[in-house]
C-alpha cells in the first residue's frame, strides 16, 4: 500500500511515519488491489488528531480520531477504518450471494423452517433463470401450452420489450405489454 504522511503543526518524525505505514499494511489483506493511503497528523494545543483516507479500486474510506497521544489517535482511527472495511466487504458479499441465488442457503432455510414446528413457515421464493430467445406472441402461446404453465415471460420480437403472457379463467389468455 502506498502511504503518504503529512504533518501539520508537528515536527516530521520517522517513528510516527513508520508506525502509521506499518499499521496500514495490515489492510492489504482486506483490499483487492493496491490502495493509496493519505495520513494527516495534526497537533492543536493538547489535541493530537490523526486523519486517514484510504482509496482503493472500489472502496474509499475515511476516519478521524482525536486523543491526547498521537500513537493512540493512530490506533483508534485504524480500528475505525478496519470496521468500515469489514462492513463494506460484508455488504458486497451479501449482495453477491443474493444475486447468485445461493441454493445452499435456500435449502438450509427450508430445512430449518421444516424442523421448527413452533415458528410459522416463512414464504420461500423460488428463483428461476431462463435463457430465452425473442419470439412473437403466437410462438409464446404455443410454448406456454406446450409446457402447460400459467404464465410465460418473453421478449417480444416485434417490440423488443419484455411481455408477460398469462392464463385467465375460462382458459382465455392475457398479455401484459409495458408502456414506455
N, C-alpha and C. Protein backbone atom coordinates (compact mmCIF):
# COMPACT_ATOMS: atom_id res chain seq x y z
N UNK A 1 0.85 -1.17 0.00
CA UNK A 1 0.00 0.00 0.00
C UNK A 1 0.90 1.23 0.00
N UNK A 2 0.61 2.16 -0.88
CA UNK A 2 1.36 3.41 -0.95
C UNK A 2 0.80 4.35 0.11
N UNK A 3 1.66 4.82 1.00
CA UNK A 3 1.22 5.67 2.11
C UNK A 3 1.97 7.00 2.07
N UNK A 4 1.22 8.08 2.16
CA UNK A 4 1.85 9.40 2.29
C UNK A 4 1.41 9.99 3.63
N UNK A 5 2.37 10.48 4.39
CA UNK A 5 2.10 11.02 5.72
C UNK A 5 2.42 12.51 5.70
N UNK A 6 1.45 13.31 6.17
CA UNK A 6 1.61 14.76 6.25
C UNK A 6 1.55 15.18 7.71
N UNK A 7 2.44 16.05 8.10
CA UNK A 7 2.48 16.56 9.47
C UNK A 7 2.05 18.02 9.47
N UNK A 8 1.10 18.37 10.35
CA UNK A 8 0.67 19.76 10.50
C UNK A 8 0.89 20.19 11.94
N UNK A 9 1.57 21.30 12.13
CA UNK A 9 1.89 21.82 13.45
C UNK A 9 2.65 20.79 14.29
N UNK A 10 3.47 20.02 13.61
CA UNK A 10 4.19 18.93 14.26
C UNK A 10 5.48 18.71 13.49
N UNK A 11 6.57 18.47 14.18
CA UNK A 11 7.84 18.18 13.51
C UNK A 11 7.76 16.79 12.88
N UNK A 12 8.18 16.67 11.62
CA UNK A 12 8.15 15.34 10.97
C UNK A 12 8.99 14.34 11.75
N UNK A 13 8.42 13.17 11.94
CA UNK A 13 9.09 12.13 12.72
C UNK A 13 9.06 10.83 11.93
N UNK A 14 10.24 10.24 11.75
CA UNK A 14 10.30 8.95 11.06
C UNK A 14 9.59 7.87 11.86
N UNK A 15 9.63 7.97 13.17
CA UNK A 15 8.98 6.96 14.02
C UNK A 15 7.47 6.97 13.80
N UNK A 16 6.86 8.15 13.76
CA UNK A 16 5.41 8.24 13.51
C UNK A 16 5.08 7.79 12.09
N UNK A 17 5.91 8.19 11.12
CA UNK A 17 5.68 7.81 9.72
C UNK A 17 5.74 6.28 9.58
N UNK A 18 6.76 5.66 10.16
CA UNK A 18 6.91 4.20 10.08
C UNK A 18 5.78 3.49 10.82
N UNK A 19 5.38 4.02 11.96
CA UNK A 19 4.31 3.42 12.76
C UNK A 19 3.01 3.40 11.95
N UNK A 20 2.66 4.54 11.35
CA UNK A 20 1.43 4.62 10.56
C UNK A 20 1.51 3.70 9.34
N UNK A 21 2.66 3.67 8.67
CA UNK A 21 2.81 2.82 7.47
C UNK A 21 2.70 1.35 7.81
N UNK A 22 3.35 0.93 8.89
CA UNK A 22 3.29 -0.48 9.30
C UNK A 22 1.86 -0.88 9.66
N UNK A 23 1.17 -0.01 10.37
CA UNK A 23 -0.20 -0.32 10.77
C UNK A 23 -1.12 -0.38 9.56
N UNK A 24 -0.89 0.47 8.58
CA UNK A 24 -1.74 0.48 7.38
C UNK A 24 -1.48 -0.74 6.50
N UNK A 25 -0.31 -1.34 6.60
CA UNK A 25 -0.01 -2.51 5.78
C UNK A 25 -0.92 -3.69 6.10
N UNK A 26 -1.50 -3.72 7.29
CA UNK A 26 -2.40 -4.83 7.64
C UNK A 26 -3.69 -4.79 6.83
N UNK A 27 -4.01 -3.65 6.21
CA UNK A 27 -5.23 -3.54 5.40
C UNK A 27 -5.06 -4.16 4.02
N UNK A 28 -3.84 -4.48 3.62
CA UNK A 28 -3.61 -5.08 2.31
C UNK A 28 -4.37 -6.39 2.14
N UNK A 29 -4.55 -7.13 3.22
CA UNK A 29 -5.27 -8.40 3.13
C UNK A 29 -6.76 -8.19 2.89
N UNK A 30 -7.29 -7.01 3.23
CA UNK A 30 -8.71 -6.73 3.05
C UNK A 30 -9.01 -6.12 1.68
N UNK A 31 -8.04 -5.43 1.12
CA UNK A 31 -8.27 -4.71 -0.13
C UNK A 31 -7.80 -5.54 -1.31
N UNK A 32 -8.58 -5.51 -2.41
CA UNK A 32 -8.28 -6.33 -3.58
C UNK A 32 -7.02 -5.86 -4.30
N UNK A 33 -7.01 -4.62 -4.65
CA UNK A 33 -5.90 -4.07 -5.43
C UNK A 33 -5.09 -3.11 -4.57
N UNK A 34 -3.91 -2.77 -5.03
CA UNK A 34 -3.12 -1.82 -4.24
C UNK A 34 -3.90 -0.53 -3.99
N UNK A 35 -3.86 -0.10 -2.77
CA UNK A 35 -4.60 1.10 -2.39
C UNK A 35 -3.61 2.20 -2.04
N UNK A 36 -4.14 3.40 -1.96
CA UNK A 36 -3.33 4.55 -1.58
C UNK A 36 -3.90 5.13 -0.30
N UNK A 37 -3.02 5.41 0.66
CA UNK A 37 -3.45 5.96 1.94
C UNK A 37 -2.81 7.32 2.15
N UNK A 38 -3.64 8.27 2.56
CA UNK A 38 -3.16 9.60 2.92
C UNK A 38 -3.38 9.78 4.41
N UNK A 39 -2.30 10.03 5.14
CA UNK A 39 -2.36 10.19 6.58
C UNK A 39 -2.00 11.64 6.91
N UNK A 40 -2.87 12.29 7.67
CA UNK A 40 -2.61 13.66 8.11
C UNK A 40 -2.57 13.65 9.64
N UNK A 41 -1.41 14.00 10.19
CA UNK A 41 -1.23 14.03 11.64
C UNK A 41 -1.12 15.49 12.06
N UNK A 42 -2.03 15.92 12.94
CA UNK A 42 -2.11 17.32 13.33
C UNK A 42 -2.07 17.45 14.85
N UNK A 43 -1.41 18.49 15.32
CA UNK A 43 -1.41 18.81 16.75
C UNK A 43 -2.00 20.21 16.89
N UNK A 44 -3.05 20.32 17.71
CA UNK A 44 -3.67 21.60 18.03
C UNK A 44 -3.76 21.70 19.55
N UNK A 45 -2.95 22.53 20.11
CA UNK A 45 -2.83 22.68 21.57
C UNK A 45 -2.54 21.31 22.19
N UNK A 46 -3.49 20.74 22.92
CA UNK A 46 -3.26 19.44 23.56
C UNK A 46 -3.96 18.31 22.82
N UNK A 47 -4.50 18.61 21.66
CA UNK A 47 -5.23 17.59 20.89
C UNK A 47 -4.32 17.03 19.80
N UNK A 48 -4.26 15.71 19.73
CA UNK A 48 -3.49 15.02 18.70
C UNK A 48 -4.51 14.36 17.77
N UNK A 49 -4.54 14.80 16.53
CA UNK A 49 -5.56 14.36 15.58
C UNK A 49 -4.90 13.55 14.48
N UNK A 50 -5.45 12.37 14.23
CA UNK A 50 -5.00 11.52 13.12
C UNK A 50 -6.17 11.36 12.16
N UNK A 51 -5.93 11.72 10.91
CA UNK A 51 -6.95 11.60 9.87
C UNK A 51 -6.37 10.75 8.75
N UNK A 52 -7.09 9.68 8.40
CA UNK A 52 -6.58 8.76 7.38
C UNK A 52 -7.66 8.55 6.32
N UNK A 53 -7.26 8.65 5.06
CA UNK A 53 -8.13 8.38 3.91
C UNK A 53 -7.48 7.26 3.11
N UNK A 54 -8.22 6.18 2.89
CA UNK A 54 -7.73 5.05 2.11
C UNK A 54 -8.60 4.95 0.87
N UNK A 55 -7.96 5.02 -0.30
CA UNK A 55 -8.68 4.93 -1.57
C UNK A 55 -8.20 3.68 -2.29
N UNK A 56 -9.13 2.75 -2.51
CA UNK A 56 -8.82 1.54 -3.24
C UNK A 56 -9.49 1.55 -4.59
N UNK A 57 -9.60 0.38 -5.19
CA UNK A 57 -10.20 0.26 -6.51
C UNK A 57 -11.68 0.61 -6.47
N UNK A 58 -12.42 -0.03 -5.57
CA UNK A 58 -13.87 0.21 -5.47
C UNK A 58 -14.28 0.71 -4.09
N UNK A 59 -13.32 1.07 -3.27
CA UNK A 59 -13.64 1.40 -1.89
C UNK A 59 -12.83 2.61 -1.44
N UNK A 60 -13.52 3.58 -0.87
CA UNK A 60 -12.86 4.74 -0.28
C UNK A 60 -13.39 4.90 1.13
N UNK A 61 -12.48 4.91 2.11
CA UNK A 61 -12.89 5.05 3.50
C UNK A 61 -12.10 6.17 4.15
N UNK A 62 -12.74 6.82 5.08
CA UNK A 62 -12.13 7.95 5.79
C UNK A 62 -12.34 7.76 7.28
N UNK A 63 -11.38 8.22 8.06
CA UNK A 63 -11.51 8.16 9.50
C UNK A 63 -10.72 9.26 10.16
N UNK A 64 -11.22 9.71 11.29
CA UNK A 64 -10.55 10.79 12.03
C UNK A 64 -10.73 10.52 13.51
N UNK A 65 -9.65 10.62 14.27
CA UNK A 65 -9.68 10.41 15.72
C UNK A 65 -8.83 11.47 16.39
N UNK A 66 -9.22 11.79 17.61
CA UNK A 66 -8.54 12.84 18.36
C UNK A 66 -8.39 12.37 19.81
N UNK A 67 -7.14 12.33 20.29
CA UNK A 67 -6.86 11.96 21.68
C UNK A 67 -5.72 12.84 22.19
N UNK A 68 -5.20 12.48 23.33
CA UNK A 68 -4.10 13.22 23.92
C UNK A 68 -2.74 12.72 23.48
N UNK A 69 -2.69 11.58 22.75
CA UNK A 69 -1.44 10.99 22.31
C UNK A 69 -1.56 10.62 20.83
N UNK A 70 -0.56 10.92 20.02
CA UNK A 70 -0.63 10.68 18.58
C UNK A 70 -0.70 9.19 18.26
N UNK A 71 0.06 8.36 18.96
CA UNK A 71 0.04 6.92 18.71
C UNK A 71 -1.35 6.34 19.00
N UNK A 72 -1.97 6.80 20.06
CA UNK A 72 -3.32 6.34 20.40
C UNK A 72 -4.32 6.80 19.34
N UNK A 73 -4.16 8.01 18.85
CA UNK A 73 -5.04 8.52 17.80
C UNK A 73 -4.92 7.66 16.54
N UNK A 74 -3.69 7.30 16.18
CA UNK A 74 -3.47 6.46 15.00
C UNK A 74 -4.13 5.10 15.21
N UNK A 75 -3.93 4.49 16.37
CA UNK A 75 -4.52 3.18 16.65
C UNK A 75 -6.04 3.23 16.57
N UNK A 76 -6.64 4.25 17.16
CA UNK A 76 -8.10 4.35 17.18
C UNK A 76 -8.67 4.57 15.78
N UNK A 77 -8.03 5.41 15.00
CA UNK A 77 -8.55 5.66 13.66
C UNK A 77 -8.38 4.42 12.78
N UNK A 78 -7.32 3.66 12.98
CA UNK A 78 -7.13 2.43 12.22
C UNK A 78 -8.17 1.38 12.60
N UNK A 79 -8.53 1.31 13.88
CA UNK A 79 -9.60 0.40 14.30
C UNK A 79 -10.91 0.78 13.62
N UNK A 80 -11.16 2.08 13.55
CA UNK A 80 -12.37 2.58 12.91
C UNK A 80 -12.39 2.21 11.42
N UNK A 81 -11.25 2.37 10.76
CA UNK A 81 -11.16 2.04 9.34
C UNK A 81 -11.33 0.55 9.10
N UNK A 82 -10.77 -0.26 9.99
CA UNK A 82 -10.90 -1.71 9.85
C UNK A 82 -12.37 -2.13 9.94
N UNK A 83 -13.11 -1.53 10.85
CA UNK A 83 -14.54 -1.83 10.96
C UNK A 83 -15.27 -1.43 9.68
N UNK A 84 -14.92 -0.27 9.13
CA UNK A 84 -15.56 0.19 7.90
C UNK A 84 -15.27 -0.76 6.74
N UNK A 85 -14.03 -1.21 6.63
CA UNK A 85 -13.66 -2.12 5.54
C UNK A 85 -14.41 -3.44 5.68
N UNK A 86 -14.45 -3.99 6.88
CA UNK A 86 -15.15 -5.26 7.09
C UNK A 86 -16.64 -5.12 6.80
N UNK A 87 -17.22 -4.01 7.21
CA UNK A 87 -18.64 -3.76 6.95
C UNK A 87 -18.89 -3.67 5.45
N UNK A 88 -18.02 -2.97 4.74
CA UNK A 88 -18.16 -2.86 3.29
C UNK A 88 -18.02 -4.20 2.60
N UNK A 89 -17.08 -5.01 3.05
CA UNK A 89 -16.88 -6.34 2.46
C UNK A 89 -18.10 -7.23 2.72
N UNK A 90 -18.69 -7.14 3.91
CA UNK A 90 -19.87 -7.93 4.21
C UNK A 90 -21.04 -7.53 3.32
N UNK A 91 -21.19 -6.23 3.08
CA UNK A 91 -22.26 -5.76 2.20
C UNK A 91 -22.08 -6.32 0.80
N UNK A 92 -20.86 -6.26 0.30
CA UNK A 92 -20.58 -6.77 -1.04
C UNK A 92 -20.85 -8.27 -1.08
N UNK A 93 -20.43 -8.99 -0.05
CA UNK A 93 -20.63 -10.44 -0.01
C UNK A 93 -22.12 -10.78 0.03
N UNK A 94 -22.90 -10.06 0.84
CA UNK A 94 -24.34 -10.32 0.92
C UNK A 94 -25.01 -10.04 -0.41
N UNK A 95 -24.63 -8.93 -1.03
CA UNK A 95 -25.22 -8.58 -2.31
C UNK A 95 -24.88 -9.61 -3.37
N UNK A 96 -23.62 -10.08 -3.36
CA UNK A 96 -23.19 -11.07 -4.34
C UNK A 96 -23.92 -12.40 -4.10
N UNK A 97 -24.04 -12.81 -2.85
CA UNK A 97 -24.73 -14.06 -2.54
C UNK A 97 -26.20 -13.98 -2.93
N UNK A 98 -26.82 -12.85 -2.68
CA UNK A 98 -28.24 -12.70 -3.02
C UNK A 98 -28.44 -12.71 -4.53
N UNK A 99 -27.53 -12.10 -5.26
CA UNK A 99 -27.70 -12.05 -6.71
C UNK A 99 -27.43 -13.40 -7.36
N UNK A 100 -26.60 -14.19 -6.75
CA UNK A 100 -26.33 -15.51 -7.31
C UNK A 100 -27.41 -16.52 -6.93
N UNK A 101 -28.24 -16.18 -5.95
CA UNK A 101 -29.31 -17.09 -5.54
C UNK A 101 -28.77 -18.39 -4.99
N UNK A 102 -28.02 -18.31 -3.93
CA UNK A 102 -27.38 -19.48 -3.37
C UNK A 102 -28.39 -20.57 -3.02
N UNK A 103 -28.29 -21.69 -3.71
CA UNK A 103 -29.20 -22.80 -3.46
C UNK A 103 -28.98 -23.38 -2.07
N UNK A 104 -27.73 -23.37 -1.64
CA UNK A 104 -27.41 -23.94 -0.34
C UNK A 104 -28.13 -23.18 0.76
N UNK A 105 -28.13 -21.85 0.67
CA UNK A 105 -28.80 -21.05 1.69
C UNK A 105 -30.30 -21.28 1.67
N UNK A 106 -30.86 -21.41 0.47
CA UNK A 106 -32.30 -21.66 0.39
C UNK A 106 -32.65 -23.03 0.96
N UNK A 107 -31.81 -24.02 0.67
CA UNK A 107 -32.07 -25.35 1.20
C UNK A 107 -31.98 -25.36 2.72
N UNK A 108 -30.96 -24.72 3.27
CA UNK A 108 -30.83 -24.66 4.72
C UNK A 108 -32.01 -23.93 5.35
N UNK A 109 -32.46 -22.88 4.70
CA UNK A 109 -33.61 -22.13 5.21
C UNK A 109 -34.87 -22.97 5.18
N UNK A 110 -35.05 -23.76 4.11
CA UNK A 110 -36.23 -24.61 4.01
C UNK A 110 -36.17 -25.73 5.04
N UNK A 111 -34.99 -26.31 5.24
CA UNK A 111 -34.85 -27.38 6.21
C UNK A 111 -35.09 -26.86 7.62
N UNK A 112 -34.52 -25.71 7.96
CA UNK A 112 -34.71 -25.19 9.31
C UNK A 112 -36.16 -24.79 9.53
N UNK A 113 -36.85 -24.32 8.49
CA UNK A 113 -38.26 -23.97 8.64
C UNK A 113 -39.10 -25.23 8.85
N UNK A 114 -38.73 -26.33 8.21
CA UNK A 114 -39.47 -27.57 8.39
C UNK A 114 -39.20 -28.18 9.76
N UNK A 115 -37.98 -28.04 10.26
CA UNK A 115 -37.62 -28.64 11.54
C UNK A 115 -38.29 -27.94 12.72
N UNK A 116 -38.50 -26.64 12.63
CA UNK A 116 -39.08 -25.92 13.76
C UNK A 116 -40.60 -25.84 13.59
N UNK A 117 -41.31 -26.61 14.38
CA UNK A 117 -42.76 -26.64 14.30
C UNK A 117 -43.40 -25.45 15.01
N UNK A 118 -42.68 -24.82 15.94
CA UNK A 118 -43.23 -23.72 16.72
C UNK A 118 -43.39 -22.46 15.88
N UNK A 119 -42.46 -22.22 14.99
CA UNK A 119 -42.48 -20.99 14.22
C UNK A 119 -43.36 -21.15 12.97
N UNK A 120 -44.01 -20.08 12.53
CA UNK A 120 -44.76 -20.16 11.28
C UNK A 120 -43.80 -20.30 10.11
N UNK A 121 -44.22 -21.02 9.09
CA UNK A 121 -43.37 -21.22 7.93
C UNK A 121 -43.19 -19.92 7.18
N UNK A 122 -41.97 -19.66 6.77
CA UNK A 122 -41.67 -18.46 6.02
C UNK A 122 -42.02 -18.68 4.55
N UNK A 123 -42.34 -17.60 3.88
CA UNK A 123 -42.60 -17.68 2.46
C UNK A 123 -41.27 -17.85 1.75
N UNK A 124 -41.17 -18.89 0.93
CA UNK A 124 -39.94 -19.09 0.18
C UNK A 124 -40.17 -18.66 -1.26
N UNK A 125 -39.17 -18.08 -1.82
CA UNK A 125 -39.24 -17.62 -3.20
C UNK A 125 -38.29 -18.46 -4.02
N UNK A 126 -38.83 -19.11 -5.02
CA UNK A 126 -38.01 -19.92 -5.90
C UNK A 126 -37.58 -19.05 -7.08
N UNK A 127 -36.29 -18.99 -7.30
CA UNK A 127 -35.74 -18.16 -8.36
C UNK A 127 -35.35 -19.06 -9.52
N UNK A 128 -35.87 -18.76 -10.69
CA UNK A 128 -35.51 -19.49 -11.89
C UNK A 128 -34.88 -18.53 -12.87
N UNK A 129 -33.77 -18.93 -13.42
CA UNK A 129 -33.18 -18.15 -14.50
C UNK A 129 -33.35 -18.95 -15.78
N UNK A 130 -33.82 -18.28 -16.80
CA UNK A 130 -34.08 -18.96 -18.06
C UNK A 130 -33.33 -18.25 -19.17
N UNK A 131 -32.96 -19.01 -20.16
CA UNK A 131 -32.32 -18.46 -21.34
C UNK A 131 -33.37 -18.49 -22.44
N UNK A 132 -33.82 -17.32 -22.87
CA UNK A 132 -34.89 -17.28 -23.84
C UNK A 132 -34.49 -16.45 -25.03
N UNK A 133 -35.12 -16.77 -26.16
CA UNK A 133 -34.87 -16.03 -27.39
C UNK A 133 -36.09 -15.16 -27.67
N UNK A 134 -35.89 -14.06 -28.37
CA UNK A 134 -37.04 -13.23 -28.73
C UNK A 134 -38.02 -14.02 -29.60
N UNK A 135 -39.32 -13.84 -29.34
CA UNK A 135 -40.35 -14.55 -30.11
C UNK A 135 -41.58 -13.67 -30.23
N UNK A 136 -42.42 -14.01 -31.20
CA UNK A 136 -43.67 -13.25 -31.33
C UNK A 136 -44.73 -13.86 -30.42
N UNK A 137 -45.88 -13.21 -30.31
CA UNK A 137 -46.92 -13.61 -29.36
C UNK A 137 -47.44 -15.01 -29.67
N UNK A 138 -47.64 -15.31 -30.94
CA UNK A 138 -48.17 -16.63 -31.32
C UNK A 138 -47.23 -17.75 -30.88
N UNK A 139 -45.93 -17.55 -31.07
CA UNK A 139 -44.96 -18.56 -30.65
C UNK A 139 -44.94 -18.70 -29.13
N UNK A 140 -45.13 -17.59 -28.41
CA UNK A 140 -45.18 -17.64 -26.95
C UNK A 140 -46.39 -18.43 -26.47
N UNK A 141 -47.54 -18.27 -27.16
CA UNK A 141 -48.75 -19.03 -26.82
C UNK A 141 -48.48 -20.52 -27.01
N UNK A 142 -47.86 -20.89 -28.11
CA UNK A 142 -47.55 -22.30 -28.36
C UNK A 142 -46.59 -22.84 -27.29
N UNK A 143 -45.56 -22.08 -26.95
CA UNK A 143 -44.61 -22.51 -25.92
C UNK A 143 -45.29 -22.69 -24.56
N UNK A 144 -46.20 -21.77 -24.23
CA UNK A 144 -46.88 -21.82 -22.94
C UNK A 144 -47.79 -23.04 -22.86
N UNK A 145 -48.49 -23.34 -23.93
CA UNK A 145 -49.36 -24.51 -23.94
C UNK A 145 -48.56 -25.80 -23.97
N UNK A 146 -47.40 -25.75 -24.58
CA UNK A 146 -46.55 -26.92 -24.67
C UNK A 146 -46.07 -27.35 -23.28
N UNK A 147 -45.70 -26.41 -22.43
CA UNK A 147 -45.21 -26.74 -21.09
C UNK A 147 -46.30 -26.62 -20.03
N UNK A 148 -47.50 -26.18 -20.42
CA UNK A 148 -48.67 -26.09 -19.55
C UNK A 148 -48.40 -25.20 -18.33
N UNK A 149 -47.87 -24.00 -18.57
CA UNK A 149 -47.62 -23.04 -17.50
C UNK A 149 -48.80 -22.09 -17.36
N UNK A 150 -48.88 -21.41 -16.22
CA UNK A 150 -49.91 -20.40 -16.00
C UNK A 150 -49.51 -19.06 -16.61
N UNK A 151 -48.23 -18.85 -16.80
CA UNK A 151 -47.76 -17.61 -17.41
C UNK A 151 -46.43 -17.86 -18.10
N UNK A 152 -46.05 -16.91 -18.95
CA UNK A 152 -44.78 -17.01 -19.65
C UNK A 152 -44.23 -15.61 -19.86
N UNK A 153 -42.98 -15.43 -19.51
CA UNK A 153 -42.29 -14.16 -19.71
C UNK A 153 -41.41 -14.31 -20.94
N UNK A 154 -41.52 -13.38 -21.88
CA UNK A 154 -40.74 -13.47 -23.10
C UNK A 154 -40.43 -12.08 -23.64
N UNK A 155 -39.45 -12.01 -24.52
CA UNK A 155 -39.13 -10.77 -25.21
C UNK A 155 -39.86 -10.77 -26.54
N UNK A 156 -40.68 -9.77 -26.74
CA UNK A 156 -41.45 -9.64 -27.97
C UNK A 156 -40.49 -9.29 -29.10
N UNK A 157 -40.47 -10.13 -30.15
CA UNK A 157 -39.54 -9.92 -31.26
C UNK A 157 -39.86 -8.64 -32.02
N UNK A 158 -41.13 -8.24 -32.06
CA UNK A 158 -41.51 -7.04 -32.82
C UNK A 158 -41.14 -5.77 -32.07
N UNK A 159 -41.37 -5.73 -30.74
CA UNK A 159 -41.14 -4.50 -29.98
C UNK A 159 -39.82 -4.51 -29.22
N UNK A 160 -39.24 -5.68 -28.96
CA UNK A 160 -38.00 -5.77 -28.20
C UNK A 160 -38.20 -5.60 -26.71
N UNK A 161 -39.46 -5.55 -26.25
CA UNK A 161 -39.75 -5.36 -24.84
C UNK A 161 -40.15 -6.69 -24.19
N UNK A 162 -40.02 -6.72 -22.87
CA UNK A 162 -40.42 -7.91 -22.12
C UNK A 162 -41.94 -7.90 -21.98
N UNK A 163 -42.57 -9.02 -22.35
CA UNK A 163 -44.02 -9.19 -22.23
C UNK A 163 -44.31 -10.38 -21.33
N UNK A 164 -45.51 -10.38 -20.74
CA UNK A 164 -45.96 -11.49 -19.92
C UNK A 164 -47.27 -12.00 -20.50
N UNK A 165 -47.29 -13.26 -20.83
CA UNK A 165 -48.49 -13.92 -21.31
C UNK A 165 -48.99 -14.78 -20.16
N UNK A 166 -50.29 -14.64 -19.82
CA UNK A 166 -50.80 -15.38 -18.67
C UNK A 166 -52.16 -16.01 -18.99
N UNK A 167 -52.48 -17.07 -18.23
CA UNK A 167 -53.73 -17.80 -18.42
C UNK A 167 -54.80 -17.19 -17.52
N UNK A 168 -55.94 -16.88 -18.10
CA UNK A 168 -57.06 -16.31 -17.35
C UNK A 168 -58.10 -17.40 -17.09
N UNK A 169 -59.14 -17.04 -16.35
CA UNK A 169 -60.21 -18.01 -16.10
C UNK A 169 -60.88 -18.36 -17.42
N UNK A 170 -61.38 -19.56 -17.49
CA UNK A 170 -62.07 -19.99 -18.70
C UNK A 170 -61.10 -20.32 -19.82
N UNK A 171 -59.86 -20.58 -19.49
CA UNK A 171 -58.83 -20.96 -20.45
C UNK A 171 -58.54 -19.86 -21.48
N UNK A 172 -58.88 -18.61 -21.15
CA UNK A 172 -58.52 -17.48 -22.01
C UNK A 172 -57.11 -17.03 -21.64
N UNK A 173 -56.49 -16.28 -22.52
CA UNK A 173 -55.14 -15.80 -22.28
C UNK A 173 -55.13 -14.28 -22.20
N UNK A 174 -54.19 -13.75 -21.42
CA UNK A 174 -53.99 -12.31 -21.31
C UNK A 174 -52.54 -11.98 -21.63
N UNK A 175 -52.30 -10.75 -22.10
CA UNK A 175 -50.96 -10.32 -22.45
C UNK A 175 -50.67 -8.99 -21.77
N UNK A 176 -49.55 -8.90 -21.08
CA UNK A 176 -49.13 -7.65 -20.44
C UNK A 176 -47.97 -7.09 -21.25
N UNK A 177 -48.18 -5.87 -21.78
CA UNK A 177 -47.14 -5.17 -22.52
C UNK A 177 -46.83 -3.86 -21.80
N UNK A 178 -45.57 -3.58 -21.53
CA UNK A 178 -45.24 -2.33 -20.84
C UNK A 178 -45.38 -1.13 -21.78
N UNK A 179 -45.80 0.01 -21.19
CA UNK A 179 -45.88 1.26 -21.96
C UNK A 179 -44.68 2.11 -21.57
N UNK A 180 -43.98 2.61 -22.55
CA UNK A 180 -42.82 3.46 -22.25
C UNK A 180 -42.92 4.75 -22.99
